[in-house]
Amino acid sequence: MPAYMNSAELQFIVLAAEARAAAAVPAVAAAAAAAADAASTPWQIALVNGVPLLPLMLSRATAVAGHAVTVVLGANARELAPALGRLPVTLVVDRNWQEGAAAPVRAGVLALAGSCSGALLLQATQSGVTSADLQRLVDLWRRNPRVIVAAQCGGGHELPAIFPRSEFPALLRLRGGQGARTLLRSPNATLVGVPMPSALVSVL
């Protein structure tokens, strides 16, 4: 049973909409991306240890958040939707995915319930992030619900990160190539970090 079940409290957004998603940091799973390119396969269903990437990441998210998971797709959404299978997730299609990293963030935030007090944002490309990593973020956020709680790695902060409701307007103001990481790098950000080297592992 997921450790976190209160969808009014916190919801997860898995970002999988970019035509070619920006990696957290180019890393160890480059072979998976190369295989996807060679086969003209969307990166979202490239195999990671024999498992399609998107269902793998969604299963990790739902193991922590239960039904409180939204996945944002853009290019190839119709083709990718069947890959979700029976996973208990909400699908949002970002029709502005060509704009850049900001569009799927806005689409995901706009789909959240009005009672939601925080949103965990995760890039679907971050194949190194486990359910245990996500649970550690949630646990720390419960103790610090008014600040951003983010993965701490590589000398800075990265997604996955939990943004309190007070940060939603800033997320909705993002445009073009400005992703949610823009907020993590702001000198005015109030955040706490969870050591998470796995956040640097990406398929792209």
N, C-alpha and C. Protein backbone atom coordinates (compact mmCIF):
# COMPACT_ATOMS: atom_id res chain seq x y z
N MET A 1 0.85 -1.20 0.00
CA MET A 1 0.00 0.00 0.00
C MET A 1 0.88 1.24 0.00
N PRO A 2 0.63 2.22 -0.87
CA PRO A 2 1.46 3.41 -0.90
C PRO A 2 1.52 4.09 0.45
N ALA A 3 2.70 4.62 0.79
CA ALA A 3 2.85 5.32 2.06
C ALA A 3 2.10 6.63 2.05
N TYR A 4 1.89 7.19 0.87
CA TYR A 4 1.19 8.46 0.74
C TYR A 4 -0.07 8.26 -0.08
N MET A 5 -1.21 8.65 0.48
CA MET A 5 -2.46 8.41 -0.21
C MET A 5 -3.37 9.64 -0.32
N ASN A 6 -3.04 10.72 0.40
CA ASN A 6 -3.93 11.87 0.45
C ASN A 6 -3.71 12.78 -0.75
N SER A 7 -4.50 12.60 -1.81
CA SER A 7 -4.31 13.35 -3.04
C SER A 7 -4.58 14.84 -2.86
N ALA A 8 -5.34 15.23 -1.82
CA ALA A 8 -5.59 16.64 -1.57
C ALA A 8 -4.33 17.31 -1.03
N GLU A 9 -3.43 16.51 -0.48
CA GLU A 9 -2.24 17.07 0.15
C GLU A 9 -1.12 17.28 -0.86
N LEU A 10 -0.80 16.25 -1.60
CA LEU A 10 0.34 16.29 -2.50
C LEU A 10 0.03 15.45 -3.73
N GLN A 11 0.40 15.98 -4.89
CA GLN A 11 0.21 15.23 -6.13
C GLN A 11 1.52 15.20 -6.90
N PHE A 12 1.70 14.15 -7.69
CA PHE A 12 2.91 13.98 -8.48
C PHE A 12 2.61 14.34 -9.93
N ILE A 13 3.58 14.99 -10.59
CA ILE A 13 3.51 15.28 -12.01
C ILE A 13 4.75 14.68 -12.66
N VAL A 14 4.54 13.74 -13.56
CA VAL A 14 5.64 13.13 -14.31
C VAL A 14 5.68 13.78 -15.68
N LEU A 15 6.77 14.47 -15.99
CA LEU A 15 6.89 15.24 -17.22
C LEU A 15 7.49 14.37 -18.32
N ALA A 16 6.68 14.09 -19.34
CA ALA A 16 7.12 13.23 -20.43
C ALA A 16 6.67 13.78 -21.78
N ALA A 17 6.56 15.11 -21.87
CA ALA A 17 5.93 15.71 -23.04
C ALA A 17 6.89 16.20 -24.10
N GLU A 18 8.12 16.49 -23.76
CA GLU A 18 9.01 17.11 -24.73
C GLU A 18 9.30 16.17 -25.90
N ALA A 19 9.42 16.76 -27.06
CA ALA A 19 9.78 15.98 -28.23
C ALA A 19 11.13 15.32 -28.02
N ARG A 20 12.02 16.02 -27.35
CA ARG A 20 13.30 15.46 -26.96
C ARG A 20 13.63 16.08 -25.62
N ALA A 21 13.28 15.37 -24.56
CA ALA A 21 13.36 15.94 -23.22
C ALA A 21 14.79 16.29 -22.85
N ALA A 22 14.93 17.39 -22.10
CA ALA A 22 16.25 17.76 -21.60
C ALA A 22 16.60 16.88 -20.42
N ALA A 23 17.76 16.29 -20.44
CA ALA A 23 18.19 15.42 -19.35
C ALA A 23 18.60 16.25 -18.16
N ALA A 24 18.49 15.67 -16.97
CA ALA A 24 18.99 16.33 -15.78
C ALA A 24 20.48 16.62 -15.97
N VAL A 25 21.23 15.61 -16.34
CA VAL A 25 22.63 15.71 -16.73
C VAL A 25 22.86 14.54 -17.66
N PRO A 26 23.48 14.72 -18.84
CA PRO A 26 23.73 13.56 -19.70
C PRO A 26 24.47 12.50 -18.90
N ALA A 27 23.96 11.26 -18.92
CA ALA A 27 24.50 10.29 -17.99
C ALA A 27 24.52 8.89 -18.54
N VAL A 28 24.46 7.90 -17.64
CA VAL A 28 24.90 6.55 -17.92
C VAL A 28 24.02 5.75 -18.85
N ALA A 29 22.80 6.19 -19.12
CA ALA A 29 21.91 5.38 -19.94
C ALA A 29 21.86 5.87 -21.38
N ALA A 30 22.93 6.43 -21.89
CA ALA A 30 22.95 6.94 -23.25
C ALA A 30 22.67 5.84 -24.27
N ALA A 31 23.02 4.61 -23.94
CA ALA A 31 22.78 3.50 -24.85
C ALA A 31 21.29 3.31 -25.12
N ALA A 32 20.47 3.54 -24.10
CA ALA A 32 19.02 3.41 -24.27
C ALA A 32 18.52 4.45 -25.25
N ALA A 33 19.04 5.68 -25.15
CA ALA A 33 18.63 6.74 -26.07
C ALA A 33 19.07 6.40 -27.49
N ALA A 34 20.28 5.88 -27.63
CA ALA A 34 20.77 5.52 -28.95
C ALA A 34 19.92 4.42 -29.57
N ALA A 35 19.52 3.45 -28.75
CA ALA A 35 18.67 2.38 -29.24
C ALA A 35 17.32 2.91 -29.69
N ALA A 36 16.79 3.87 -28.94
CA ALA A 36 15.51 4.47 -29.31
C ALA A 36 15.61 5.20 -30.64
N ASP A 37 16.70 5.95 -30.81
CA ASP A 37 16.89 6.68 -32.06
C ASP A 37 16.99 5.71 -33.23
N ALA A 38 17.76 4.65 -33.03
CA ALA A 38 18.00 3.70 -34.11
C ALA A 38 16.71 3.06 -34.58
N ALA A 39 15.81 2.83 -33.67
CA ALA A 39 14.56 2.15 -34.00
C ALA A 39 13.42 3.12 -34.26
N SER A 40 13.70 4.43 -34.24
CA SER A 40 12.66 5.46 -34.38
C SER A 40 11.57 5.26 -33.34
N THR A 41 11.96 4.85 -32.17
CA THR A 41 11.04 4.62 -31.07
C THR A 41 11.01 5.84 -30.18
N PRO A 42 9.83 6.31 -29.75
CA PRO A 42 9.79 7.44 -28.81
C PRO A 42 10.64 7.12 -27.57
N TRP A 43 11.35 8.13 -27.11
CA TRP A 43 12.23 7.88 -25.96
C TRP A 43 11.45 7.40 -24.74
N GLN A 44 10.18 7.77 -24.67
CA GLN A 44 9.39 7.38 -23.50
C GLN A 44 9.24 5.87 -23.33
N ILE A 45 9.40 5.12 -24.43
CA ILE A 45 9.26 3.67 -24.31
C ILE A 45 10.56 2.95 -24.65
N ALA A 46 11.68 3.69 -24.62
CA ALA A 46 12.98 3.04 -24.72
C ALA A 46 13.12 2.09 -23.52
N LEU A 47 13.79 0.99 -23.73
CA LEU A 47 13.92 -0.02 -22.67
C LEU A 47 15.04 0.34 -21.70
N VAL A 48 14.73 0.24 -20.43
CA VAL A 48 15.71 0.41 -19.36
C VAL A 48 15.73 -0.89 -18.57
N ASN A 49 16.81 -1.62 -18.69
CA ASN A 49 16.88 -2.95 -18.07
C ASN A 49 15.71 -3.83 -18.49
N GLY A 50 15.34 -3.70 -19.76
CA GLY A 50 14.28 -4.55 -20.31
C GLY A 50 12.87 -4.07 -20.07
N VAL A 51 12.71 -2.90 -19.45
CA VAL A 51 11.37 -2.37 -19.13
C VAL A 51 11.19 -1.03 -19.83
N PRO A 52 10.05 -0.77 -20.49
CA PRO A 52 9.82 0.53 -21.10
C PRO A 52 9.91 1.65 -20.07
N LEU A 53 10.60 2.72 -20.43
CA LEU A 53 10.91 3.79 -19.49
C LEU A 53 9.68 4.40 -18.81
N LEU A 54 8.69 4.84 -19.60
CA LEU A 54 7.57 5.57 -19.00
C LEU A 54 6.78 4.72 -18.01
N PRO A 55 6.36 3.50 -18.36
CA PRO A 55 5.68 2.68 -17.35
C PRO A 55 6.54 2.43 -16.12
N LEU A 56 7.86 2.30 -16.32
CA LEU A 56 8.76 2.09 -15.19
C LEU A 56 8.71 3.28 -14.24
N MET A 57 8.83 4.49 -14.78
CA MET A 57 8.84 5.67 -13.91
C MET A 57 7.48 5.91 -13.27
N LEU A 58 6.42 5.64 -14.01
CA LEU A 58 5.09 5.82 -13.44
C LEU A 58 4.82 4.81 -12.33
N SER A 59 5.31 3.60 -12.49
CA SER A 59 5.12 2.60 -11.44
C SER A 59 5.86 3.01 -10.18
N ARG A 60 7.01 3.63 -10.33
CA ARG A 60 7.74 4.12 -9.16
C ARG A 60 6.99 5.25 -8.48
N ALA A 61 6.38 6.13 -9.28
CA ALA A 61 5.61 7.23 -8.71
C ALA A 61 4.36 6.74 -8.01
N THR A 62 3.62 5.83 -8.64
CA THR A 62 2.38 5.35 -8.02
C THR A 62 2.65 4.49 -6.79
N ALA A 63 3.84 3.90 -6.69
CA ALA A 63 4.17 3.13 -5.49
C ALA A 63 4.20 4.02 -4.26
N VAL A 64 4.43 5.32 -4.47
CA VAL A 64 4.48 6.28 -3.37
C VAL A 64 3.18 7.08 -3.28
N ALA A 65 2.64 7.50 -4.43
CA ALA A 65 1.52 8.44 -4.44
C ALA A 65 0.18 7.81 -4.76
N GLY A 66 0.13 6.52 -5.04
CA GLY A 66 -1.15 5.91 -5.38
C GLY A 66 -1.75 6.53 -6.62
N HIS A 67 -3.01 6.93 -6.54
CA HIS A 67 -3.71 7.51 -7.69
C HIS A 67 -3.38 8.97 -7.93
N ALA A 68 -2.60 9.57 -7.06
CA ALA A 68 -2.33 11.01 -7.15
C ALA A 68 -1.15 11.31 -8.07
N VAL A 69 -1.16 10.73 -9.26
CA VAL A 69 -0.08 10.91 -10.23
C VAL A 69 -0.67 11.36 -11.56
N THR A 70 -0.12 12.44 -12.10
CA THR A 70 -0.48 12.94 -13.42
C THR A 70 0.73 12.80 -14.33
N VAL A 71 0.52 12.29 -15.52
CA VAL A 71 1.60 12.22 -16.51
C VAL A 71 1.26 13.15 -17.65
N VAL A 72 2.23 13.98 -18.05
CA VAL A 72 2.03 14.94 -19.12
C VAL A 72 2.74 14.43 -20.37
N LEU A 73 1.97 14.20 -21.43
CA LEU A 73 2.50 13.79 -22.72
C LEU A 73 2.28 14.89 -23.74
N GLY A 74 3.10 14.90 -24.78
CA GLY A 74 2.92 15.88 -25.84
C GLY A 74 3.00 15.21 -27.18
N ALA A 75 4.18 15.25 -27.81
CA ALA A 75 4.39 14.57 -29.08
C ALA A 75 4.14 13.08 -28.89
N ASN A 76 3.50 12.48 -29.85
CA ASN A 76 3.23 11.03 -29.82
C ASN A 76 2.31 10.60 -28.68
N ALA A 77 1.51 11.52 -28.16
CA ALA A 77 0.64 11.16 -27.03
C ALA A 77 -0.30 10.01 -27.38
N ARG A 78 -0.87 10.04 -28.58
CA ARG A 78 -1.81 8.98 -28.97
C ARG A 78 -1.09 7.63 -29.04
N GLU A 79 0.13 7.65 -29.53
CA GLU A 79 0.90 6.42 -29.63
C GLU A 79 1.32 5.90 -28.26
N LEU A 80 1.60 6.82 -27.35
CA LEU A 80 2.14 6.43 -26.05
C LEU A 80 1.08 6.06 -25.03
N ALA A 81 -0.14 6.57 -25.19
CA ALA A 81 -1.19 6.33 -24.20
C ALA A 81 -1.39 4.86 -23.86
N PRO A 82 -1.38 3.94 -24.85
CA PRO A 82 -1.55 2.53 -24.49
C PRO A 82 -0.46 1.99 -23.58
N ALA A 83 0.72 2.62 -23.59
CA ALA A 83 1.81 2.15 -22.74
C ALA A 83 1.51 2.36 -21.26
N LEU A 84 0.52 3.20 -20.97
CA LEU A 84 0.17 3.45 -19.56
C LEU A 84 -0.55 2.25 -18.96
N GLY A 85 -1.14 1.40 -19.81
CA GLY A 85 -1.80 0.21 -19.32
C GLY A 85 -2.86 0.53 -18.29
N ARG A 86 -2.83 -0.20 -17.19
CA ARG A 86 -3.81 0.01 -16.11
C ARG A 86 -3.22 0.80 -14.94
N LEU A 87 -2.13 1.48 -15.19
CA LEU A 87 -1.54 2.28 -14.12
C LEU A 87 -2.54 3.35 -13.68
N PRO A 88 -2.68 3.57 -12.37
CA PRO A 88 -3.68 4.51 -11.85
C PRO A 88 -3.22 5.96 -11.95
N VAL A 89 -3.05 6.44 -13.19
CA VAL A 89 -2.55 7.79 -13.40
C VAL A 89 -3.54 8.60 -14.22
N THR A 90 -3.44 9.92 -14.11
CA THR A 90 -4.24 10.84 -14.92
C THR A 90 -3.38 11.32 -16.08
N LEU A 91 -3.90 11.22 -17.29
CA LEU A 91 -3.17 11.63 -18.48
C LEU A 91 -3.56 13.05 -18.88
N VAL A 92 -2.56 13.90 -19.06
CA VAL A 92 -2.75 15.25 -19.57
C VAL A 92 -1.93 15.37 -20.86
N VAL A 93 -2.56 15.85 -21.92
CA VAL A 93 -1.86 16.05 -23.18
C VAL A 93 -1.53 17.53 -23.32
N ASP A 94 -0.24 17.82 -23.44
CA ASP A 94 0.23 19.19 -23.61
C ASP A 94 0.31 19.50 -25.10
N ARG A 95 -0.61 20.30 -25.59
CA ARG A 95 -0.66 20.61 -27.02
C ARG A 95 0.38 21.66 -27.41
N ASN A 96 1.04 22.24 -26.42
CA ASN A 96 2.05 23.28 -26.69
C ASN A 96 3.46 22.75 -26.45
N TRP A 97 3.65 21.44 -26.55
CA TRP A 97 4.93 20.84 -26.19
C TRP A 97 6.09 21.40 -26.98
N GLN A 98 5.84 21.90 -28.19
CA GLN A 98 6.94 22.42 -29.00
C GLN A 98 7.53 23.71 -28.44
N GLU A 99 6.80 24.34 -27.52
CA GLU A 99 7.30 25.58 -26.92
C GLU A 99 8.60 25.35 -26.16
N GLY A 100 8.71 24.21 -25.50
CA GLY A 100 9.88 23.95 -24.67
C GLY A 100 9.48 23.44 -23.30
N ALA A 101 10.43 23.46 -22.38
CA ALA A 101 10.25 22.81 -21.08
C ALA A 101 9.15 23.43 -20.23
N ALA A 102 8.83 24.70 -20.46
CA ALA A 102 7.83 25.36 -19.62
C ALA A 102 6.42 24.82 -19.84
N ALA A 103 6.09 24.48 -21.08
CA ALA A 103 4.71 24.12 -21.42
C ALA A 103 4.20 22.90 -20.65
N PRO A 104 4.93 21.78 -20.59
CA PRO A 104 4.40 20.64 -19.84
C PRO A 104 4.29 20.90 -18.33
N VAL A 105 5.16 21.76 -17.81
CA VAL A 105 5.05 22.13 -16.40
C VAL A 105 3.73 22.85 -16.17
N ARG A 106 3.43 23.83 -17.01
CA ARG A 106 2.18 24.57 -16.86
C ARG A 106 0.98 23.65 -17.02
N ALA A 107 1.03 22.76 -18.02
CA ALA A 107 -0.09 21.84 -18.25
C ALA A 107 -0.32 20.96 -17.03
N GLY A 108 0.75 20.47 -16.44
CA GLY A 108 0.61 19.62 -15.26
C GLY A 108 0.05 20.36 -14.07
N VAL A 109 0.56 21.56 -13.82
CA VAL A 109 0.09 22.34 -12.67
C VAL A 109 -1.37 22.74 -12.85
N LEU A 110 -1.76 23.12 -14.06
CA LEU A 110 -3.15 23.51 -14.29
C LEU A 110 -4.12 22.35 -14.10
N ALA A 111 -3.63 21.13 -14.20
CA ALA A 111 -4.50 19.95 -14.04
C ALA A 111 -4.67 19.53 -12.59
N LEU A 112 -3.94 20.15 -11.68
CA LEU A 112 -4.00 19.74 -10.27
C LEU A 112 -5.33 20.13 -9.64
N ALA A 113 -5.71 19.37 -8.65
CA ALA A 113 -6.93 19.67 -7.89
C ALA A 113 -6.75 20.99 -7.13
N GLY A 114 -7.84 21.71 -6.99
CA GLY A 114 -7.78 22.99 -6.30
C GLY A 114 -7.36 22.88 -4.85
N SER A 115 -7.55 21.72 -4.26
CA SER A 115 -7.19 21.51 -2.86
C SER A 115 -5.76 21.06 -2.66
N CYS A 116 -5.04 20.86 -3.76
CA CYS A 116 -3.67 20.35 -3.69
C CYS A 116 -2.76 21.38 -3.03
N SER A 117 -1.96 20.94 -2.06
CA SER A 117 -1.08 21.87 -1.36
C SER A 117 0.37 21.75 -1.78
N GLY A 118 0.67 20.82 -2.66
CA GLY A 118 2.04 20.67 -3.14
C GLY A 118 2.09 19.76 -4.35
N ALA A 119 3.12 19.94 -5.17
CA ALA A 119 3.28 19.10 -6.36
C ALA A 119 4.72 18.65 -6.48
N LEU A 120 4.90 17.35 -6.63
CA LEU A 120 6.22 16.78 -6.90
C LEU A 120 6.39 16.66 -8.40
N LEU A 121 7.43 17.30 -8.94
CA LEU A 121 7.72 17.24 -10.37
C LEU A 121 8.91 16.33 -10.62
N LEU A 122 8.73 15.40 -11.54
CA LEU A 122 9.75 14.42 -11.89
C LEU A 122 9.84 14.33 -13.40
N GLN A 123 11.06 14.36 -13.95
CA GLN A 123 11.24 14.14 -15.37
C GLN A 123 11.20 12.64 -15.63
N ALA A 124 10.43 12.23 -16.62
CA ALA A 124 10.35 10.80 -16.94
C ALA A 124 11.69 10.24 -17.38
N THR A 125 12.59 11.12 -17.82
CA THR A 125 13.91 10.67 -18.24
C THR A 125 14.81 10.25 -17.08
N GLN A 126 14.44 10.60 -15.86
CA GLN A 126 15.33 10.37 -14.71
C GLN A 126 15.23 8.93 -14.21
N SER A 127 15.78 8.05 -15.01
CA SER A 127 15.62 6.61 -14.76
C SER A 127 16.33 6.12 -13.51
N GLY A 128 17.23 6.91 -12.96
CA GLY A 128 17.91 6.49 -11.74
C GLY A 128 17.11 6.74 -10.48
N VAL A 129 16.06 7.55 -10.57
CA VAL A 129 15.27 7.90 -9.38
C VAL A 129 14.32 6.76 -9.03
N THR A 130 14.38 6.30 -7.81
CA THR A 130 13.59 5.16 -7.36
C THR A 130 12.40 5.61 -6.50
N SER A 131 11.54 4.66 -6.20
CA SER A 131 10.43 4.94 -5.28
C SER A 131 10.94 5.38 -3.92
N ALA A 132 12.03 4.77 -3.48
CA ALA A 132 12.60 5.14 -2.19
C ALA A 132 13.09 6.59 -2.20
N ASP A 133 13.66 7.03 -3.32
CA ASP A 133 14.08 8.42 -3.44
C ASP A 133 12.88 9.36 -3.33
N LEU A 134 11.81 9.02 -4.02
CA LEU A 134 10.61 9.86 -3.99
C LEU A 134 10.01 9.90 -2.59
N GLN A 135 10.03 8.77 -1.91
CA GLN A 135 9.49 8.72 -0.56
C GLN A 135 10.29 9.60 0.40
N ARG A 136 11.60 9.66 0.20
CA ARG A 136 12.43 10.52 1.06
C ARG A 136 12.08 11.99 0.84
N LEU A 137 11.80 12.37 -0.40
CA LEU A 137 11.35 13.74 -0.65
C LEU A 137 10.04 14.03 0.06
N VAL A 138 9.10 13.10 -0.06
CA VAL A 138 7.79 13.28 0.57
C VAL A 138 7.93 13.39 2.09
N ASP A 139 8.75 12.53 2.67
CA ASP A 139 8.93 12.55 4.13
C ASP A 139 9.47 13.88 4.60
N LEU A 140 10.46 14.43 3.88
CA LEU A 140 11.02 15.71 4.29
C LEU A 140 10.03 16.84 4.05
N TRP A 141 9.28 16.76 2.95
CA TRP A 141 8.28 17.80 2.68
C TRP A 141 7.20 17.84 3.76
N ARG A 142 6.83 16.69 4.27
CA ARG A 142 5.83 16.66 5.35
C ARG A 142 6.30 17.47 6.56
N ARG A 143 7.60 17.49 6.77
CA ARG A 143 8.15 18.25 7.90
C ARG A 143 8.43 19.71 7.54
N ASN A 144 8.43 20.01 6.24
CA ASN A 144 8.72 21.37 5.76
C ASN A 144 7.77 21.74 4.63
N PRO A 145 6.47 21.78 4.87
CA PRO A 145 5.50 21.91 3.77
C PRO A 145 5.44 23.28 3.11
N ARG A 146 6.16 24.27 3.64
CA ARG A 146 6.08 25.61 3.06
C ARG A 146 7.29 25.97 2.22
N VAL A 147 8.22 25.03 2.04
CA VAL A 147 9.40 25.31 1.24
C VAL A 147 9.50 24.31 0.11
N ILE A 148 10.37 24.59 -0.87
CA ILE A 148 10.66 23.64 -1.93
C ILE A 148 11.60 22.57 -1.37
N VAL A 149 11.28 21.32 -1.64
CA VAL A 149 12.14 20.20 -1.24
C VAL A 149 12.63 19.55 -2.53
N ALA A 150 13.95 19.53 -2.73
CA ALA A 150 14.50 19.11 -4.01
C ALA A 150 15.64 18.12 -3.84
N ALA A 151 15.86 17.34 -4.90
CA ALA A 151 17.03 16.47 -4.94
C ALA A 151 18.29 17.32 -4.88
N GLN A 152 19.23 16.90 -4.06
CA GLN A 152 20.51 17.59 -3.92
C GLN A 152 21.59 16.71 -4.54
N CYS A 153 22.26 17.24 -5.58
CA CYS A 153 23.23 16.43 -6.30
C CYS A 153 24.09 17.33 -7.17
N GLY A 154 25.30 16.87 -7.47
CA GLY A 154 26.16 17.61 -8.37
C GLY A 154 26.46 19.03 -7.95
N GLY A 155 26.44 19.29 -6.65
CA GLY A 155 26.73 20.63 -6.16
C GLY A 155 25.57 21.60 -6.24
N GLY A 156 24.39 21.11 -6.55
CA GLY A 156 23.22 21.98 -6.63
C GLY A 156 21.95 21.21 -6.36
N HIS A 157 20.83 21.73 -6.87
CA HIS A 157 19.54 21.10 -6.67
C HIS A 157 18.91 20.78 -8.03
N GLU A 158 18.16 19.69 -8.05
CA GLU A 158 17.60 19.16 -9.29
C GLU A 158 16.17 18.66 -9.04
N LEU A 159 15.46 18.40 -10.14
CA LEU A 159 14.27 17.56 -10.05
C LEU A 159 14.74 16.14 -9.76
N PRO A 160 13.93 15.33 -9.10
CA PRO A 160 12.58 15.62 -8.62
C PRO A 160 12.60 16.63 -7.48
N ALA A 161 11.54 17.40 -7.43
CA ALA A 161 11.38 18.40 -6.38
C ALA A 161 9.91 18.59 -6.07
N ILE A 162 9.63 18.93 -4.83
CA ILE A 162 8.26 19.22 -4.40
C ILE A 162 8.12 20.73 -4.24
N PHE A 163 7.14 21.29 -4.94
CA PHE A 163 6.86 22.72 -4.88
C PHE A 163 5.57 22.95 -4.09
N PRO A 164 5.63 23.76 -3.03
CA PRO A 164 4.38 24.05 -2.30
C PRO A 164 3.45 24.90 -3.15
N ARG A 165 2.21 24.95 -2.77
CA ARG A 165 1.20 25.68 -3.55
C ARG A 165 1.60 27.14 -3.77
N SER A 166 2.31 27.72 -2.83
CA SER A 166 2.72 29.12 -2.96
C SER A 166 3.62 29.34 -4.17
N GLU A 167 4.24 28.26 -4.70
CA GLU A 167 5.11 28.37 -5.87
C GLU A 167 4.39 28.10 -7.18
N PHE A 168 3.12 27.69 -7.12
CA PHE A 168 2.39 27.39 -8.35
C PHE A 168 2.33 28.58 -9.31
N PRO A 169 2.07 29.82 -8.81
CA PRO A 169 2.05 30.95 -9.75
C PRO A 169 3.38 31.12 -10.49
N ALA A 170 4.49 30.89 -9.81
CA ALA A 170 5.80 31.01 -10.46
C ALA A 170 5.97 29.92 -11.51
N LEU A 171 5.50 28.71 -11.23
CA LEU A 171 5.56 27.64 -12.22
C LEU A 171 4.72 27.98 -13.45
N LEU A 172 3.58 28.60 -13.23
CA LEU A 172 2.69 28.95 -14.34
C LEU A 172 3.21 30.14 -15.15
N ARG A 173 4.15 30.88 -14.60
CA ARG A 173 4.74 32.00 -15.34
C ARG A 173 5.90 31.56 -16.23
N LEU A 174 6.34 30.32 -16.11
CA LEU A 174 7.46 29.85 -16.93
C LEU A 174 7.08 29.87 -18.41
N ARG A 175 8.06 30.20 -19.23
CA ARG A 175 7.83 30.27 -20.68
C ARG A 175 9.03 29.69 -21.43
N GLY A 176 8.76 29.16 -22.62
CA GLY A 176 9.82 28.70 -23.50
C GLY A 176 10.65 27.59 -22.88
N GLY A 177 11.95 27.77 -22.88
CA GLY A 177 12.85 26.75 -22.37
C GLY A 177 13.03 26.78 -20.87
N GLN A 178 12.30 27.64 -20.17
CA GLN A 178 12.42 27.71 -18.72
C GLN A 178 11.66 26.55 -18.09
N GLY A 179 12.37 25.57 -17.57
CA GLY A 179 11.74 24.48 -16.86
C GLY A 179 11.63 24.78 -15.38
N ALA A 180 11.12 23.81 -14.63
CA ALA A 180 10.95 24.00 -13.19
C ALA A 180 12.28 24.21 -12.48
N ARG A 181 13.38 23.76 -13.10
CA ARG A 181 14.70 23.96 -12.49
C ARG A 181 15.02 25.44 -12.34
N THR A 182 14.39 26.29 -13.14
CA THR A 182 14.60 27.73 -13.03
C THR A 182 14.32 28.21 -11.62
N LEU A 183 13.27 27.68 -11.01
CA LEU A 183 12.92 28.08 -9.65
C LEU A 183 13.95 27.57 -8.65
N LEU A 184 14.50 26.38 -8.91
CA LEU A 184 15.47 25.81 -7.98
C LEU A 184 16.76 26.62 -7.96
N ARG A 185 17.05 27.31 -9.06
CA ARG A 185 18.30 28.06 -9.18
C ARG A 185 18.13 29.54 -8.86
N SER A 186 16.91 29.93 -8.50
CA SER A 186 16.67 31.32 -8.15
C SER A 186 17.35 31.67 -6.82
N PRO A 187 18.02 32.82 -6.75
CA PRO A 187 18.65 33.22 -5.48
C PRO A 187 17.63 33.49 -4.38
N ASN A 188 16.37 33.65 -4.76
CA ASN A 188 15.32 33.91 -3.77
C ASN A 188 14.61 32.65 -3.31
N ALA A 189 15.01 31.50 -3.84
CA ALA A 189 14.33 30.24 -3.51
C ALA A 189 14.60 29.85 -2.06
N THR A 190 13.54 29.42 -1.40
CA THR A 190 13.66 28.84 -0.06
C THR A 190 13.47 27.35 -0.22
N LEU A 191 14.57 26.61 -0.08
CA LEU A 191 14.47 25.17 -0.32
C LEU A 191 15.38 24.40 0.60
N VAL A 192 15.05 23.13 0.74
CA VAL A 192 15.89 22.18 1.47
C VAL A 192 16.16 21.01 0.53
N GLY A 193 17.32 20.39 0.70
CA GLY A 193 17.72 19.34 -0.22
C GLY A 193 17.73 17.97 0.41
N VAL A 194 17.51 16.98 -0.43
CA VAL A 194 17.64 15.57 -0.07
C VAL A 194 18.77 15.00 -0.91
N PRO A 195 19.88 14.55 -0.32
CA PRO A 195 20.97 13.99 -1.12
C PRO A 195 20.45 12.88 -2.03
N MET A 196 20.69 13.03 -3.33
CA MET A 196 20.13 12.08 -4.29
C MET A 196 20.99 12.03 -5.56
N PRO A 197 22.14 11.37 -5.52
CA PRO A 197 22.97 11.25 -6.72
C PRO A 197 22.23 10.61 -7.88
N SER A 198 21.25 9.78 -7.61
CA SER A 198 20.51 9.10 -8.67
C SER A 198 19.75 10.07 -9.56
N ALA A 199 19.51 11.30 -9.10
CA ALA A 199 18.80 12.28 -9.91
C ALA A 199 19.60 12.71 -11.13
N LEU A 200 20.90 12.42 -11.13
CA LEU A 200 21.75 12.76 -12.27
C LEU A 200 21.72 11.72 -13.36
N VAL A 201 21.10 10.58 -13.09
CA VAL A 201 21.06 9.50 -14.06
C VAL A 201 19.85 9.68 -14.97
N SER A 202 20.10 9.80 -16.26
CA SER A 202 19.03 10.06 -17.22
C SER A 202 19.26 9.28 -18.49
N VAL A 203 18.19 8.94 -19.17
CA VAL A 203 18.32 8.22 -20.44
C VAL A 203 18.66 9.14 -21.59
N LEU A 204 18.56 10.46 -21.40
CA LEU A 204 18.85 11.41 -22.47
C LEU A 204 19.76 12.50 -21.95
